[in-house]
Amino acid sequence: MTASYRDLRVWQQGMALVLAIYKQTTAFPEEEVYGLTAQMRRAAVSIPSNIAEGKGRSSDRDRRLFFCHARASLLELETQILIAKDLQFLPDPEAAELIASSGHLGRMVNP
């Protein structure tokens, strides 16, 4: 029997990044709740979601496609982290930590 998507380290790292993004975005300005906060959370949630969906696919081609979607969402999130840092919604140390986590995850997701 094959392992569950929950056993994949890449999925576990993706979930950890989601939790970190949710934690950091709670301090964003209230007027960003439907803007950058929501956008970052959606991008973050998309990463482990696509990994899980890819794991459930029956062909290698389909699995690779969903891992590519996860990588695209990760790059979107990295851009949003940099925007949040530049707007001073995220302090430099927290932004650096999120970027480092996303870089590590990106190396895991790359085909």
C-alpha atoms as a PDB file:
ATOM      1  CA  MET A   1       0.000   0.000   0.000  1.00  0.00           C
ATOM      2  CA  THR A   2       1.280   3.478  -0.851  1.00  0.00           C
ATOM      3  CA  ALA A   3       1.832   6.089   1.803  1.00  0.00           C
ATOM      4  CA  SER A   4      -0.736   8.798   2.419  1.00  0.00           C
ATOM      5  CA  TYR A   5      -0.110  12.338   1.227  1.00  0.00           C
ATOM      6  CA  ARG A   6       0.082  13.199   4.947  1.00  0.00           C
ATOM      7  CA  ASP A   7       3.246  11.085   5.164  1.00  0.00           C
ATOM      8  CA  LEU A   8       5.025  13.238   2.562  1.00  0.00           C
ATOM      9  CA  ARG A   9       7.582  15.573   4.121  1.00  0.00           C
ATOM     10  CA  VAL A  10       6.876  18.104   1.373  1.00  0.00           C
ATOM     11  CA  TRP A  11       3.184  18.172   2.347  1.00  0.00           C
ATOM     12  CA  GLN A  12       4.101  18.489   6.044  1.00  0.00           C
ATOM     13  CA  GLN A  13       6.410  21.423   5.277  1.00  0.00           C
ATOM     14  CA  GLY A  14       3.649  23.003   3.187  1.00  0.00           C
ATOM     15  CA  MET A  15       1.243  22.704   6.096  1.00  0.00           C
ATOM     16  CA  ALA A  16       3.786  24.289   8.444  1.00  0.00           C
ATOM     17  CA  LEU A  17       4.119  27.212   6.028  1.00  0.00           C
ATOM     18  CA  VAL A  18       0.329  27.640   5.928  1.00  0.00           C
ATOM     19  CA  LEU A  19       0.215  27.876   9.716  1.00  0.00           C
ATOM     20  CA  ALA A  20       3.077  30.396   9.746  1.00  0.00           C
ATOM     21  CA  ILE A  21       1.347  32.547   7.124  1.00  0.00           C
ATOM     22  CA  TYR A  22      -1.926  32.511   9.048  1.00  0.00           C
ATOM     23  CA  LYS A  23      -0.084  33.472  12.228  1.00  0.00           C
ATOM     24  CA  GLN A  24       1.823  36.346  10.612  1.00  0.00           C
ATOM     25  CA  THR A  25      -1.135  37.754   8.664  1.00  0.00           C
ATOM     26  CA  THR A  26      -3.267  38.137  11.804  1.00  0.00           C
ATOM     27  CA  ALA A  27      -1.233  41.268  12.558  1.00  0.00           C
ATOM     28  CA  PHE A  28      -1.829  42.834   9.121  1.00  0.00           C
ATOM     29  CA  PRO A  29      -3.947  46.004   8.978  1.00  0.00           C
ATOM     30  CA  GLU A  30      -7.697  45.388   9.075  1.00  0.00           C
ATOM     31  CA  GLU A  31      -8.169  47.020   5.675  1.00  0.00           C
ATOM     32  CA  GLU A  32      -6.049  44.221   4.168  1.00  0.00           C
ATOM     33  CA  VAL A  33      -8.399  41.433   5.305  1.00  0.00           C
ATOM     34  CA  TYR A  34      -9.812  41.132   1.765  1.00  0.00           C
ATOM     35  CA  GLY A  35      -6.571  42.160   0.109  1.00  0.00           C
ATOM     36  CA  LEU A  36      -3.093  40.902   0.827  1.00  0.00           C
ATOM     37  CA  THR A  37      -4.118  38.864   3.886  1.00  0.00           C
ATOM     38  CA  ALA A  38      -6.656  36.815   1.929  1.00  0.00           C
ATOM     39  CA  GLN A  39      -4.363  36.519  -1.094  1.00  0.00           C
ATOM     40  CA  MET A  40      -1.441  35.208   0.961  1.00  0.00           C
ATOM     41  CA  ARG A  41      -3.622  32.741   2.819  1.00  0.00           C
ATOM     42  CA  ARG A  42      -5.136  31.405  -0.418  1.00  0.00           C
ATOM     43  CA  ALA A  43      -1.715  30.977  -2.023  1.00  0.00           C
ATOM     44  CA  ALA A  44      -0.356  29.243   1.082  1.00  0.00           C
ATOM     45  CA  VAL A  45      -3.325  26.860   1.356  1.00  0.00           C
ATOM     46  CA  SER A  46      -2.985  26.029  -2.328  1.00  0.00           C
ATOM     47  CA  ILE A  47       0.524  24.607  -1.844  1.00  0.00           C
ATOM     48  CA  PRO A  48      -0.206  21.552   0.346  1.00  0.00           C
ATOM     49  CA  SER A  49      -3.624  21.186  -1.303  1.00  0.00           C
ATOM     50  CA  ASN A  50      -2.021  20.704  -4.719  1.00  0.00           C
ATOM     51  CA  ILE A  51       0.575  18.344  -3.271  1.00  0.00           C
ATOM     52  CA  ALA A  52      -2.197  16.228  -1.747  1.00  0.00           C
ATOM     53  CA  GLU A  53      -4.177  16.255  -4.979  1.00  0.00           C
ATOM     54  CA  GLY A  54      -1.099  15.307  -6.982  1.00  0.00           C
ATOM     55  CA  LYS A  55      -0.412  12.403  -4.633  1.00  0.00           C
ATOM     56  CA  GLY A  56      -3.928  11.142  -5.330  1.00  0.00           C
ATOM     57  CA  ARG A  57      -3.481  11.126  -9.087  1.00  0.00           C
ATOM     58  CA  SER A  58      -2.895   7.868 -10.887  1.00  0.00           C
ATOM     59  CA  SER A  59      -0.306   8.925 -13.441  1.00  0.00           C
ATOM     60  CA  ASP A  60       3.151  10.425 -13.010  1.00  0.00           C
ATOM     61  CA  ARG A  61       2.247  13.119 -15.528  1.00  0.00           C
ATOM     62  CA  ASP A  62      -0.753  14.232 -13.449  1.00  0.00           C
ATOM     63  CA  ARG A  63       1.298  14.133 -10.244  1.00  0.00           C
ATOM     64  CA  ARG A  64       3.970  16.343 -11.794  1.00  0.00           C
ATOM     65  CA  LEU A  65       1.322  18.795 -12.993  1.00  0.00           C
ATOM     66  CA  PHE A  66      -0.077  19.281  -9.496  1.00  0.00           C
ATOM     67  CA  PHE A  67       3.401  19.631  -8.030  1.00  0.00           C
ATOM     68  CA  CYS A  68       3.985  22.342 -10.652  1.00  0.00           C
ATOM     69  CA  HIS A  69       0.783  24.059  -9.483  1.00  0.00           C
ATOM     70  CA  ALA A  70       2.092  23.877  -5.899  1.00  0.00           C
ATOM     71  CA  ARG A  71       5.388  25.431  -6.996  1.00  0.00           C
ATOM     72  CA  ALA A  72       3.561  28.236  -8.819  1.00  0.00           C
ATOM     73  CA  SER A  73       1.519  28.998  -5.699  1.00  0.00           C
ATOM     74  CA  LEU A  74       4.726  29.003  -3.673  1.00  0.00           C
ATOM     75  CA  LEU A  75       6.329  31.567  -5.991  1.00  0.00           C
ATOM     76  CA  GLU A  76       3.157  33.661  -5.774  1.00  0.00           C
ATOM     77  CA  LEU A  77       3.358  33.502  -1.979  1.00  0.00           C
ATOM     78  CA  GLU A  78       7.035  34.486  -1.945  1.00  0.00           C
ATOM     79  CA  THR A  79       6.182  37.583  -3.986  1.00  0.00           C
ATOM     80  CA  GLN A  80       3.389  38.447  -1.574  1.00  0.00           C
ATOM     81  CA  ILE A  81       5.720  38.019   1.402  1.00  0.00           C
ATOM     82  CA  LEU A  82       8.122  40.513  -0.196  1.00  0.00           C
ATOM     83  CA  ILE A  83       5.247  42.933  -0.847  1.00  0.00           C
ATOM     84  CA  ALA A  84       4.122  42.623   2.788  1.00  0.00           C
ATOM     85  CA  LYS A  85       7.694  43.278   3.938  1.00  0.00           C
ATOM     86  CA  ASP A  86       8.042  46.329   1.690  1.00  0.00           C
ATOM     87  CA  LEU A  87       4.713  47.679   2.989  1.00  0.00           C
ATOM     88  CA  GLN A  88       6.039  47.072   6.519  1.00  0.00           C
ATOM     89  CA  PHE A  89       3.222  44.664   7.363  1.00  0.00           C
ATOM     90  CA  LEU A  90       5.880  42.028   8.105  1.00  0.00           C
ATOM     91  CA  PRO A  91       9.019  42.815  10.120  1.00  0.00           C
ATOM     92  CA  ASP A  92      12.263  41.913   8.354  1.00  0.00           C
ATOM     93  CA  PRO A  93      13.120  38.900  10.585  1.00  0.00           C
ATOM     94  CA  GLU A  94       9.676  37.316  10.114  1.00  0.00           C
ATOM     95  CA  ALA A  95       9.740  37.957   6.368  1.00  0.00           C
ATOM     96  CA  ALA A  96      13.221  36.443   6.138  1.00  0.00           C
ATOM     97  CA  GLU A  97      12.077  33.371   8.047  1.00  0.00           C
ATOM     98  CA  LEU A  98       9.052  32.908   5.756  1.00  0.00           C
ATOM     99  CA  ILE A  99      11.217  33.346   2.650  1.00  0.00           C
ATOM    100  CA  ALA A 100      13.713  30.791   3.989  1.00  0.00           C
ATOM    101  CA  SER A 101      10.887  28.328   4.691  1.00  0.00           C
ATOM    102  CA  SER A 102       9.428  28.836   1.243  1.00  0.00           C
ATOM    103  CA  GLY A 103      12.867  28.393  -0.341  1.00  0.00           C
ATOM    104  CA  HIS A 104      13.336  25.096   1.476  1.00  0.00           C
ATOM    105  CA  LEU A 105       9.872  23.978   0.402  1.00  0.00           C
ATOM    106  CA  GLY A 106      10.574  25.082  -3.158  1.00  0.00           C
ATOM    107  CA  ARG A 107      13.609  22.818  -3.332  1.00  0.00           C
ATOM    108  CA  MET A 108      11.423  19.936  -2.186  1.00  0.00           C
ATOM    109  CA  VAL A 109       8.661  20.657  -4.721  1.00  0.00           C
ATOM    110  CA  ASN A 110      10.922  21.107  -7.756  1.00  0.00           C
ATOM    111  CA  PRO A 111      10.615  18.177 -10.152  1.00  0.00           C
END
